[in-house]
Amino acid sequence: MPSLRRLAAGPDRVVAAVSQPDRPRGRGRKRSASPVAAEAERLGIAALRTESVGEPAFVAELAALEPDLGVVVAFGQFLPRRVRELPRTGYLINAHASLLPRHRGAAPIARAILAGDTETGISVMRVEREMDAGAVALVRRTSIASDETAGELEARLAEIAADAILAAVAGVAADRIVWTAQDDALASFAPKIGPDEARLDWSEPADALVRRVRALSPRPGAFASFAGERLRILRASALPTSGDTDLPGTVRLAPLRIATGDGWLAPRVLQRAGGKPLDAEDFQRGRGLPDGARLGADEAGG
């Protein structure tokens, strides 16, 4: 929502914000507005809701607003041509969380961390039929910290995206925007994280496992099974081996660490099913992991 707030505070009028319909939320399952719709209403902006942005009646509603430009941020619906070309400019712009053409797709932040990238950024592009393949007008780069989680990086990139979108809108308004086609030969893809990708494979090196922990924190959270339940690891660091011969997945204490295919993974924040995230010291004070236990040995039940 930083982009919506920044645009609302900018020089150009935001005629409407489009979001998903109100849905049941929380423990009481009471229907309530999406965060975007709620924020739009707080800002005094018309909040439009739709299950399908391409539905003819909704397209007519959009057209009646006579928008000059459309801005898309993490919308999550396919945008048909009649919507893409509806604004006066004839196009929509989108802030994608990667240095395009690298990491096109639904999970660019997690995939960048998994790949060991040390840099990422925001690419403001034109929205086309092919996902994240449109021409790029503006790029903002940022380093990825060695211990940064996907959640932390996402929050930083949201602020960078807001600044980039505002700059791009100003460029469009002044008719000084320059679009550069992407080199499709350099494209890589960032599909949505699948459920099996969250399971930690202790035969992998500690460095790779730490990247997985970072890439999946806080959601869905990397996990292993222990005593028939799912144990999430939300922060971790890698430690070198010192002649140890423990099988991958073996727990050792002082400090808490888990043997991997190469090195040790030291959990820093853990969470049992139904419990709260706890730092390793607090976790061990409760029903902690015993010395010599093997995580993942009972994967079928995890």
C-alpha atoms as a PDB file:
ATOM      1  CA  MET A   1       0.000   0.000   0.000  1.00  0.00           C
ATOM      2  CA  PRO A   2       2.900   2.458   0.068  1.00  0.00           C
ATOM      3  CA  SER A   3       2.322   3.068  -3.663  1.00  0.00           C
ATOM      4  CA  LEU A   4      -1.338   3.954  -3.107  1.00  0.00           C
ATOM      5  CA  ARG A   5      -0.466   6.330  -0.267  1.00  0.00           C
ATOM      6  CA  ARG A   6       2.316   7.990  -2.260  1.00  0.00           C
ATOM      7  CA  LEU A   7       0.097   8.458  -5.333  1.00  0.00           C
ATOM      8  CA  ALA A   8      -2.722   9.849  -3.179  1.00  0.00           C
ATOM      9  CA  ALA A   9      -0.308  12.427  -1.741  1.00  0.00           C
ATOM     10  CA  GLY A  10       1.104  13.304  -5.163  1.00  0.00           C
ATOM     11  CA  PRO A  11       0.071  15.987  -7.638  1.00  0.00           C
ATOM     12  CA  ASP A  12      -2.180  13.754  -9.760  1.00  0.00           C
ATOM     13  CA  ARG A  13      -5.715  12.764  -8.771  1.00  0.00           C
ATOM     14  CA  VAL A  14      -6.328   9.070  -8.107  1.00  0.00           C
ATOM     15  CA  VAL A  15      -9.809   8.462  -9.514  1.00  0.00           C
ATOM     16  CA  ALA A  16     -10.238   4.968  -8.014  1.00  0.00           C
ATOM     17  CA  ALA A  17      -8.487   1.966  -6.529  1.00  0.00           C
ATOM     18  CA  VAL A  18      -9.443  -1.541  -7.659  1.00  0.00           C
ATOM     19  CA  SER A  19      -9.152  -4.536  -5.339  1.00  0.00           C
ATOM     20  CA  GLN A  20     -10.591  -7.938  -4.602  1.00  0.00           C
ATOM     21  CA  PRO A  21     -14.139  -8.129  -3.168  1.00  0.00           C
ATOM     22  CA  ASP A  22     -14.828  -8.052   0.565  1.00  0.00           C
ATOM     23  CA  ARG A  23     -14.222 -11.503   2.079  1.00  0.00           C
ATOM     24  CA  PRO A  24     -14.673 -13.286   5.416  1.00  0.00           C
ATOM     25  CA  ARG A  25     -11.652 -12.530   7.599  1.00  0.00           C
ATOM     26  CA  GLY A  26     -10.418 -13.232  11.105  1.00  0.00           C
ATOM     27  CA  ARG A  27     -11.708 -15.714  13.653  1.00  0.00           C
ATOM     28  CA  GLY A  28     -15.293 -14.507  13.383  1.00  0.00           C
ATOM     29  CA  ARG A  29     -15.170 -14.789   9.564  1.00  0.00           C
ATOM     30  CA  LYS A  30     -16.912 -11.446   9.272  1.00  0.00           C
ATOM     31  CA  ARG A  31     -16.856  -9.986   5.785  1.00  0.00           C
ATOM     32  CA  SER A  32     -14.531  -7.024   5.554  1.00  0.00           C
ATOM     33  CA  ALA A  33     -12.728  -4.969   2.936  1.00  0.00           C
ATOM     34  CA  SER A  34      -9.319  -5.912   1.584  1.00  0.00           C
ATOM     35  CA  PRO A  35      -6.456  -3.839   3.040  1.00  0.00           C
ATOM     36  CA  VAL A  36      -6.202  -1.923  -0.250  1.00  0.00           C
ATOM     37  CA  ALA A  37      -9.930  -1.085  -0.326  1.00  0.00           C
ATOM     38  CA  ALA A  38      -9.880  -0.071   3.332  1.00  0.00           C
ATOM     39  CA  GLU A  39      -6.873   2.201   2.784  1.00  0.00           C
ATOM     40  CA  ALA A  40      -8.436   3.746  -0.321  1.00  0.00           C
ATOM     41  CA  GLU A  41     -11.584   4.603   1.604  1.00  0.00           C
ATOM     42  CA  ARG A  42      -9.494   6.084   4.424  1.00  0.00           C
ATOM     43  CA  LEU A  43      -7.768   8.283   1.850  1.00  0.00           C
ATOM     44  CA  GLY A  44     -11.090   9.367   0.320  1.00  0.00           C
ATOM     45  CA  ILE A  45     -10.539   7.405  -2.902  1.00  0.00           C
ATOM     46  CA  ALA A  46     -13.324   5.392  -4.551  1.00  0.00           C
ATOM     47  CA  ALA A  47     -12.699   1.696  -3.835  1.00  0.00           C
ATOM     48  CA  LEU A  48     -13.938  -0.604  -6.609  1.00  0.00           C
ATOM     49  CA  ARG A  49     -14.180  -4.357  -6.012  1.00  0.00           C
ATOM     50  CA  THR A  50     -14.429  -7.156  -8.549  1.00  0.00           C
ATOM     51  CA  GLU A  51     -13.849 -10.891  -8.871  1.00  0.00           C
ATOM     52  CA  SER A  52     -12.972 -10.382 -12.539  1.00  0.00           C
ATOM     53  CA  VAL A  53     -11.571  -7.090 -13.781  1.00  0.00           C
ATOM     54  CA  GLY A  54     -12.414  -8.114 -17.360  1.00  0.00           C
ATOM     55  CA  GLU A  55     -16.162  -8.466 -16.748  1.00  0.00           C
ATOM     56  CA  PRO A  56     -17.940  -6.149 -19.248  1.00  0.00           C
ATOM     57  CA  ALA A  57     -19.960  -4.223 -16.663  1.00  0.00           C
ATOM     58  CA  PHE A  58     -16.831  -3.562 -14.626  1.00  0.00           C
ATOM     59  CA  VAL A  59     -14.853  -2.462 -17.685  1.00  0.00           C
ATOM     60  CA  ALA A  60     -17.654  -0.008 -18.434  1.00  0.00           C
ATOM     61  CA  GLU A  61     -17.440   1.284 -14.859  1.00  0.00           C
ATOM     62  CA  LEU A  62     -13.701   1.835 -15.284  1.00  0.00           C
ATOM     63  CA  ALA A  63     -14.162   3.539 -18.648  1.00  0.00           C
ATOM     64  CA  ALA A  64     -16.682   5.961 -17.149  1.00  0.00           C
ATOM     65  CA  LEU A  65     -13.900   7.263 -14.862  1.00  0.00           C
ATOM     66  CA  GLU A  66     -11.874   8.325 -17.951  1.00  0.00           C
ATOM     67  CA  PRO A  67      -8.461   7.500 -16.421  1.00  0.00           C
ATOM     68  CA  ASP A  68      -5.307   8.877 -18.019  1.00  0.00           C
ATOM     69  CA  LEU A  69      -3.114   6.022 -16.764  1.00  0.00           C
ATOM     70  CA  GLY A  70      -3.484   2.753 -14.875  1.00  0.00           C
ATOM     71  CA  VAL A  71      -1.055   1.637 -12.156  1.00  0.00           C
ATOM     72  CA  VAL A  72      -0.860  -2.021 -11.135  1.00  0.00           C
ATOM     73  CA  VAL A  73       0.804  -3.246  -7.936  1.00  0.00           C
ATOM     74  CA  ALA A  74       0.470  -6.929  -6.877  1.00  0.00           C
ATOM     75  CA  PHE A  75      -3.062  -7.189  -8.270  1.00  0.00           C
ATOM     76  CA  GLY A  76      -3.177 -10.939  -8.875  1.00  0.00           C
ATOM     77  CA  GLN A  77      -5.672 -11.078 -11.761  1.00  0.00           C
ATOM     78  CA  PHE A  78      -5.132 -11.446 -15.511  1.00  0.00           C
ATOM     79  CA  LEU A  79      -5.685  -8.097 -17.200  1.00  0.00           C
ATOM     80  CA  PRO A  80      -7.317  -8.466 -20.636  1.00  0.00           C
ATOM     81  CA  ARG A  81      -6.400  -6.200 -23.525  1.00  0.00           C
ATOM     82  CA  ARG A  82      -9.565  -4.089 -23.178  1.00  0.00           C
ATOM     83  CA  VAL A  83      -8.426  -3.185 -19.650  1.00  0.00           C
ATOM     84  CA  ARG A  84      -4.730  -2.777 -20.507  1.00  0.00           C
ATOM     85  CA  GLU A  85      -5.529  -0.307 -23.269  1.00  0.00           C
ATOM     86  CA  LEU A  86      -8.405   1.487 -21.534  1.00  0.00           C
ATOM     87  CA  PRO A  87      -6.543   4.578 -20.160  1.00  0.00           C
ATOM     88  CA  ARG A  88      -5.993   7.642 -22.336  1.00  0.00           C
ATOM     89  CA  THR A  89      -2.293   6.733 -22.643  1.00  0.00           C
ATOM     90  CA  GLY A  90      -3.288   3.310 -23.967  1.00  0.00           C
ATOM     91  CA  TYR A  91      -1.421   1.299 -21.331  1.00  0.00           C
ATOM     92  CA  LEU A  92      -0.977   0.345 -17.676  1.00  0.00           C
ATOM     93  CA  ILE A  93       2.279   0.401 -15.719  1.00  0.00           C
ATOM     94  CA  ASN A  94       3.407  -2.052 -13.063  1.00  0.00           C
ATOM     95  CA  ALA A  95       6.187  -2.093 -10.459  1.00  0.00           C
ATOM     96  CA  HIS A  96       7.731  -5.573 -10.489  1.00  0.00           C
ATOM     97  CA  ALA A  97      10.016  -6.637  -7.628  1.00  0.00           C
ATOM     98  CA  SER A  98      13.044  -7.754  -9.630  1.00  0.00           C
ATOM     99  CA  LEU A  99      15.634  -6.518 -12.098  1.00  0.00           C
ATOM    100  CA  LEU A 100      13.816  -7.575 -15.238  1.00  0.00           C
ATOM    101  CA  PRO A 101      14.125  -9.711 -17.275  1.00  0.00           C
ATOM    102  CA  ARG A 102      15.450 -11.719 -14.300  1.00  0.00           C
ATOM    103  CA  HIS A 103      12.788 -13.340 -12.095  1.00  0.00           C
ATOM    104  CA  ARG A 104       9.623 -12.779 -14.083  1.00  0.00           C
ATOM    105  CA  GLY A 105       6.664 -14.293 -12.277  1.00  0.00           C
ATOM    106  CA  ALA A 106       4.746 -14.534  -9.023  1.00  0.00           C
ATOM    107  CA  ALA A 107       7.582 -14.977  -6.493  1.00  0.00           C
ATOM    108  CA  PRO A 108      10.526 -12.782  -7.523  1.00  0.00           C
ATOM    109  CA  ILE A 109      11.578 -11.910  -3.968  1.00  0.00           C
ATOM    110  CA  ALA A 110      11.721 -15.470  -2.668  1.00  0.00           C
ATOM    111  CA  ARG A 111      13.379 -16.722  -5.868  1.00  0.00           C
ATOM    112  CA  ALA A 112      16.063 -14.031  -5.706  1.00  0.00           C
ATOM    113  CA  ILE A 113      17.008 -15.098  -2.170  1.00  0.00           C
ATOM    114  CA  LEU A 114      16.897 -18.806  -3.068  1.00  0.00           C
ATOM    115  CA  ALA A 115      19.199 -18.132  -6.014  1.00  0.00           C
ATOM    116  CA  GLY A 116      21.727 -16.397  -3.770  1.00  0.00           C
ATOM    117  CA  ASP A 117      21.313 -13.040  -5.541  1.00  0.00           C
ATOM    118  CA  THR A 118      23.047 -10.163  -3.775  1.00  0.00           C
ATOM    119  CA  GLU A 119      21.076  -7.471  -5.616  1.00  0.00           C
ATOM    120  CA  THR A 120      17.483  -6.959  -6.653  1.00  0.00           C
ATOM    121  CA  GLY A 121      15.236  -3.968  -7.222  1.00  0.00           C
ATOM    122  CA  ILE A 122      12.089  -2.578  -8.796  1.00  0.00           C
ATOM    123  CA  SER A 123      11.395  -2.469 -12.524  1.00  0.00           C
ATOM    124  CA  VAL A 124       8.553  -0.225 -13.717  1.00  0.00           C
ATOM    125  CA  MET A 125       7.212  -1.741 -16.919  1.00  0.00           C
ATOM    126  CA  ARG A 126       4.265  -1.648 -19.274  1.00  0.00           C
ATOM    127  CA  VAL A 127       1.721  -4.387 -18.623  1.00  0.00           C
ATOM    128  CA  GLU A 128       1.434  -6.804 -21.552  1.00  0.00           C
ATOM    129  CA  ARG A 129      -0.320 -10.120 -22.105  1.00  0.00           C
ATOM    130  CA  GLU A 130       2.837 -12.106 -21.360  1.00  0.00           C
ATOM    131  CA  MET A 131       3.646 -11.985 -17.665  1.00  0.00           C
ATOM    132  CA  ASP A 132       6.244  -9.356 -16.711  1.00  0.00           C
ATOM    133  CA  ALA A 133       7.547  -9.139 -20.289  1.00  0.00           C
ATOM    134  CA  GLY A 134       6.640  -5.531 -21.071  1.00  0.00           C
ATOM    135  CA  ALA A 135       9.069  -2.759 -21.911  1.00  0.00           C
ATOM    136  CA  VAL A 136      10.804  -1.160 -18.913  1.00  0.00           C
ATOM    137  CA  ALA A 137      10.987   2.579 -18.237  1.00  0.00           C
ATOM    138  CA  LEU A 138      12.668   2.815 -14.867  1.00  0.00           C
ATOM    139  CA  VAL A 139      14.793   0.600 -12.604  1.00  0.00           C
ATOM    140  CA  ARG A 140      15.701   1.068  -8.946  1.00  0.00           C
ATOM    141  CA  ARG A 141      18.425  -1.226  -7.547  1.00  0.00           C
ATOM    142  CA  THR A 142      19.082  -2.327  -3.967  1.00  0.00           C
ATOM    143  CA  SER A 143      21.396  -4.815  -2.270  1.00  0.00           C
ATOM    144  CA  ILE A 144      20.019  -7.887  -0.504  1.00  0.00           C
ATOM    145  CA  ALA A 145      21.467  -8.168   3.003  1.00  0.00           C
ATOM    146  CA  SER A 146      23.045 -11.518   3.834  1.00  0.00           C
ATOM    147  CA  ASP A 147      20.526 -12.205   6.632  1.00  0.00           C
ATOM    148  CA  GLU A 148      17.484 -10.447   5.111  1.00  0.00           C
ATOM    149  CA  THR A 149      14.243 -12.437   4.981  1.00  0.00           C
ATOM    150  CA  ALA A 150      11.693 -12.281   2.181  1.00  0.00           C
ATOM    151  CA  GLY A 151       9.297 -10.418   4.463  1.00  0.00           C
ATOM    152  CA  GLU A 152      11.884  -7.775   5.298  1.00  0.00           C
ATOM    153  CA  LEU A 153      12.952  -7.373   1.684  1.00  0.00           C
ATOM    154  CA  GLU A 154       9.334  -7.165   0.544  1.00  0.00           C
ATOM    155  CA  ALA A 155       8.693  -4.276   2.936  1.00  0.00           C
ATOM    156  CA  ARG A 156      11.772  -2.406   1.687  1.00  0.00           C
ATOM    157  CA  LEU A 157      10.896  -2.999  -1.955  1.00  0.00           C
ATOM    158  CA  ALA A 158       7.346  -1.750  -1.391  1.00  0.00           C
ATOM    159  CA  GLU A 159       8.758   1.641  -0.376  1.00  0.00           C
ATOM    160  CA  ILE A 160      11.168   1.660  -3.320  1.00  0.00           C
ATOM    161  CA  ALA A 161       8.278   0.726  -5.636  1.00  0.00           C
ATOM    162  CA  ALA A 162       6.217   3.647  -4.341  1.00  0.00           C
ATOM    163  CA  ASP A 163       8.990   6.094  -5.201  1.00  0.00           C
ATOM    164  CA  ALA A 164       9.550   4.460  -8.596  1.00  0.00           C
ATOM    165  CA  ILE A 165       5.850   4.522  -9.490  1.00  0.00           C
ATOM    166  CA  LEU A 166       5.579   8.190  -8.555  1.00  0.00           C
ATOM    167  CA  ALA A 167       8.613   9.005 -10.724  1.00  0.00           C
ATOM    168  CA  ALA A 168       7.215   7.000 -13.637  1.00  0.00           C
ATOM    169  CA  VAL A 169       3.802   8.682 -13.397  1.00  0.00           C
ATOM    170  CA  ALA A 170       5.530  12.075 -13.462  1.00  0.00           C
ATOM    171  CA  GLY A 171       7.474  10.970 -16.543  1.00  0.00           C
ATOM    172  CA  VAL A 172       4.310   9.890 -18.325  1.00  0.00           C
ATOM    173  CA  ALA A 173       2.551  13.155 -17.434  1.00  0.00           C
ATOM    174  CA  ALA A 174       5.486  15.187 -18.796  1.00  0.00           C
ATOM    175  CA  ASP A 175       5.700  13.014 -21.925  1.00  0.00           C
ATOM    176  CA  ARG A 176       9.350  12.192 -21.227  1.00  0.00           C
ATOM    177  CA  ILE A 177       9.070   8.504 -20.422  1.00  0.00           C
ATOM    178  CA  VAL A 178      11.324   6.190 -22.445  1.00  0.00           C
ATOM    179  CA  TRP A 179      10.456   2.505 -22.823  1.00  0.00           C
ATOM    180  CA  THR A 180      13.166  -0.113 -23.415  1.00  0.00           C
ATOM    181  CA  ALA A 181      12.237  -3.620 -24.582  1.00  0.00           C
ATOM    182  CA  GLN A 182      13.420  -6.500 -22.424  1.00  0.00           C
ATOM    183  CA  ASP A 183      15.892  -9.028 -23.802  1.00  0.00           C
ATOM    184  CA  ASP A 184      13.828 -12.225 -23.688  1.00  0.00           C
ATOM    185  CA  ALA A 185      16.982 -14.329 -24.116  1.00  0.00           C
ATOM    186  CA  LEU A 186      18.080 -13.222 -20.638  1.00  0.00           C
ATOM    187  CA  ALA A 187      14.755 -13.947 -18.951  1.00  0.00           C
ATOM    188  CA  SER A 188      14.482 -16.195 -15.924  1.00  0.00           C
ATOM    189  CA  PHE A 189      11.262 -17.158 -14.180  1.00  0.00           C
ATOM    190  CA  ALA A 190      10.037 -17.005 -10.596  1.00  0.00           C
ATOM    191  CA  PRO A 191       7.015 -19.288 -10.190  1.00  0.00           C
ATOM    192  CA  LYS A 192       4.953 -19.330  -7.026  1.00  0.00           C
ATOM    193  CA  ILE A 193       6.564 -21.296  -4.181  1.00  0.00           C
ATOM    194  CA  GLY A 194       5.075 -24.796  -4.057  1.00  0.00           C
ATOM    195  CA  PRO A 195       4.209 -26.547  -0.779  1.00  0.00           C
ATOM    196  CA  ASP A 196       6.994 -29.117  -1.151  1.00  0.00           C
ATOM    197  CA  GLU A 197       9.600 -26.371  -1.517  1.00  0.00           C
ATOM    198  CA  ALA A 198       9.080 -25.332   2.100  1.00  0.00           C
ATOM    199  CA  ARG A 199      10.342 -28.678   3.440  1.00  0.00           C
ATOM    200  CA  LEU A 200      13.995 -28.572   4.491  1.00  0.00           C
ATOM    201  CA  ASP A 201      16.199 -31.290   2.997  1.00  0.00           C
ATOM    202  CA  TRP A 202      19.030 -31.764   5.491  1.00  0.00           C
ATOM    203  CA  SER A 203      21.266 -33.379   2.869  1.00  0.00           C
ATOM    204  CA  GLU A 204      21.682 -29.936   1.284  1.00  0.00           C
ATOM    205  CA  PRO A 205      24.521 -27.622   2.406  1.00  0.00           C
ATOM    206  CA  ALA A 206      23.862 -25.315   5.349  1.00  0.00           C
ATOM    207  CA  ASP A 207      24.230 -22.169   3.194  1.00  0.00           C
ATOM    208  CA  ALA A 208      21.490 -23.327   0.814  1.00  0.00           C
ATOM    209  CA  LEU A 209      19.196 -24.233   3.703  1.00  0.00           C
ATOM    210  CA  VAL A 210      19.693 -20.829   5.321  1.00  0.00           C
ATOM    211  CA  ARG A 211      18.707 -19.185   2.022  1.00  0.00           C
ATOM    212  CA  ARG A 212      15.548 -21.321   1.964  1.00  0.00           C
ATOM    213  CA  VAL A 213      14.713 -20.277   5.513  1.00  0.00           C
ATOM    214  CA  ARG A 214      15.162 -16.607   4.563  1.00  0.00           C
ATOM    215  CA  ALA A 215      13.236 -16.948   1.295  1.00  0.00           C
ATOM    216  CA  LEU A 216      10.198 -18.507   2.974  1.00  0.00           C
ATOM    217  CA  SER A 217      10.065 -16.317   6.092  1.00  0.00           C
ATOM    218  CA  PRO A 218       7.587 -15.369   7.377  1.00  0.00           C
ATOM    219  CA  ARG A 219       5.253 -17.129   4.930  1.00  0.00           C
ATOM    220  CA  PRO A 220       4.873 -20.046   4.421  1.00  0.00           C
ATOM    221  CA  GLY A 221       7.912 -20.771   6.593  1.00  0.00           C
ATOM    222  CA  ALA A 222      10.539 -23.447   5.930  1.00  0.00           C
ATOM    223  CA  PHE A 223       9.897 -26.556   7.994  1.00  0.00           C
ATOM    224  CA  ALA A 224      10.986 -30.034   9.012  1.00  0.00           C
ATOM    225  CA  SER A 225       9.056 -32.720  10.842  1.00  0.00           C
ATOM    226  CA  PHE A 226       9.787 -33.712  14.421  1.00  0.00           C
ATOM    227  CA  ALA A 227       7.791 -36.096  16.617  1.00  0.00           C
ATOM    228  CA  GLY A 228       5.003 -36.182  14.044  1.00  0.00           C
ATOM    229  CA  GLU A 229       4.480 -32.431  13.857  1.00  0.00           C
ATOM    230  CA  ARG A 230       5.651 -29.604  11.659  1.00  0.00           C
ATOM    231  CA  LEU A 231       8.445 -27.452  13.048  1.00  0.00           C
ATOM    232  CA  ARG A 232       8.964 -24.134  11.253  1.00  0.00           C
ATOM    233  CA  ILE A 233      12.351 -22.425  11.205  1.00  0.00           C
ATOM    234  CA  LEU A 234      11.982 -18.705  10.481  1.00  0.00           C
ATOM    235  CA  ARG A 235      15.555 -17.493  11.013  1.00  0.00           C
ATOM    236  CA  ALA A 236      18.825 -19.379  10.922  1.00  0.00           C
ATOM    237  CA  SER A 237      22.535 -19.021  10.307  1.00  0.00           C
ATOM    238  CA  ALA A 238      25.180 -21.388   8.948  1.00  0.00           C
ATOM    239  CA  LEU A 239      28.056 -22.757  10.999  1.00  0.00           C
ATOM    240  CA  PRO A 240      31.070 -24.653   9.620  1.00  0.00           C
ATOM    241  CA  THR A 241      31.756 -28.295  10.467  1.00  0.00           C
ATOM    242  CA  SER A 242      34.646 -29.245  12.741  1.00  0.00           C
ATOM    243  CA  GLY A 243      35.235 -32.869  11.899  1.00  0.00           C
ATOM    244  CA  ASP A 244      31.716 -33.895  12.958  1.00  0.00           C
ATOM    245  CA  THR A 245      30.196 -37.082  11.519  1.00  0.00           C
ATOM    246  CA  ASP A 246      26.533 -36.688  12.521  1.00  0.00           C
ATOM    247  CA  LEU A 247      23.910 -37.688   9.988  1.00  0.00           C
ATOM    248  CA  PRO A 248      22.062 -34.825   8.268  1.00  0.00           C
ATOM    249  CA  GLY A 249      19.136 -33.681  10.402  1.00  0.00           C
ATOM    250  CA  THR A 250      20.815 -34.580  13.713  1.00  0.00           C
ATOM    251  CA  VAL A 251      20.294 -32.067  16.522  1.00  0.00           C
ATOM    252  CA  ARG A 252      23.151 -30.989  18.756  1.00  0.00           C
ATOM    253  CA  LEU A 253      23.101 -28.490  21.614  1.00  0.00           C
ATOM    254  CA  ALA A 254      25.244 -25.676  23.037  1.00  0.00           C
ATOM    255  CA  PRO A 255      24.619 -24.038  20.682  1.00  0.00           C
ATOM    256  CA  LEU A 256      21.453 -25.478  19.149  1.00  0.00           C
ATOM    257  CA  ARG A 257      22.417 -26.633  15.661  1.00  0.00           C
ATOM    258  CA  ILE A 258      21.371 -29.197  13.067  1.00  0.00           C
ATOM    259  CA  ALA A 259      23.708 -31.247  10.893  1.00  0.00           C
ATOM    260  CA  THR A 260      23.403 -30.752   7.136  1.00  0.00           C
ATOM    261  CA  GLY A 261      25.085 -32.103   4.033  1.00  0.00           C
ATOM    262  CA  ASP A 262      27.849 -29.549   4.558  1.00  0.00           C
ATOM    263  CA  GLY A 263      28.076 -27.544   7.784  1.00  0.00           C
ATOM    264  CA  TRP A 264      25.530 -26.869  10.512  1.00  0.00           C
ATOM    265  CA  LEU A 265      22.312 -24.895  10.453  1.00  0.00           C
ATOM    266  CA  ALA A 266      21.806 -22.927  13.680  1.00  0.00           C
ATOM    267  CA  PRO A 267      18.094 -22.053  14.129  1.00  0.00           C
ATOM    268  CA  ARG A 268      17.537 -18.575  15.557  1.00  0.00           C
ATOM    269  CA  VAL A 269      13.712 -18.437  15.480  1.00  0.00           C
ATOM    270  CA  LEU A 270      11.492 -21.547  15.593  1.00  0.00           C
ATOM    271  CA  GLN A 271       7.753 -22.166  15.722  1.00  0.00           C
ATOM    272  CA  ARG A 272       5.794 -25.290  16.601  1.00  0.00           C
ATOM    273  CA  ALA A 273       2.413 -25.925  14.961  1.00  0.00           C
ATOM    274  CA  GLY A 274      -0.144 -23.675  16.646  1.00  0.00           C
ATOM    275  CA  GLY A 275       2.537 -21.873  18.659  1.00  0.00           C
ATOM    276  CA  LYS A 276       4.228 -18.498  18.505  1.00  0.00           C
ATOM    277  CA  PRO A 277       7.606 -17.848  16.900  1.00  0.00           C
ATOM    278  CA  LEU A 278      10.294 -18.038  19.605  1.00  0.00           C
ATOM    279  CA  ASP A 279      13.979 -17.309  19.571  1.00  0.00           C
ATOM    280  CA  ALA A 280      16.127 -20.410  20.014  1.00  0.00           C
ATOM    281  CA  GLU A 281      16.869 -19.789  23.683  1.00  0.00           C
ATOM    282  CA  ASP A 282      13.203 -19.395  24.640  1.00  0.00           C
ATOM    283  CA  PHE A 283      12.233 -22.337  22.441  1.00  0.00           C
ATOM    284  CA  GLN A 284      14.706 -24.606  24.223  1.00  0.00           C
ATOM    285  CA  ARG A 285      13.381 -23.523  27.647  1.00  0.00           C
ATOM    286  CA  GLY A 286      10.021 -25.045  26.712  1.00  0.00           C
ATOM    287  CA  ARG A 287       9.575 -28.283  24.778  1.00  0.00           C
ATOM    288  CA  GLY A 288      12.960 -27.891  23.154  1.00  0.00           C
ATOM    289  CA  LEU A 289      14.768 -30.223  20.816  1.00  0.00           C
ATOM    290  CA  PRO A 290      16.737 -32.984  22.588  1.00  0.00           C
ATOM    291  CA  ASP A 291      20.377 -33.660  21.845  1.00  0.00           C
ATOM    292  CA  GLY A 292      20.766 -36.420  19.230  1.00  0.00           C
ATOM    293  CA  ALA A 293      17.218 -36.146  17.818  1.00  0.00           C
ATOM    294  CA  ARG A 294      16.875 -36.328  14.032  1.00  0.00           C
ATOM    295  CA  LEU A 295      14.635 -33.873  12.256  1.00  0.00           C
ATOM    296  CA  GLY A 296      12.897 -35.202   9.186  1.00  0.00           C
ATOM    297  CA  ALA A 297      13.425 -38.859  10.131  1.00  0.00           C
ATOM    298  CA  ASP A 298       9.616 -39.173  10.338  1.00  0.00           C
ATOM    299  CA  GLU A 299       8.828 -37.112   7.210  1.00  0.00           C
ATOM    300  CA  ALA A 300       5.856 -39.282   6.325  1.00  0.00           C
ATOM    301  CA  GLY A 301       4.110 -38.128   9.448  1.00  0.00           C
ATOM    302  CA  GLY A 302       5.298 -34.503   9.225  1.00  0.00           C
END
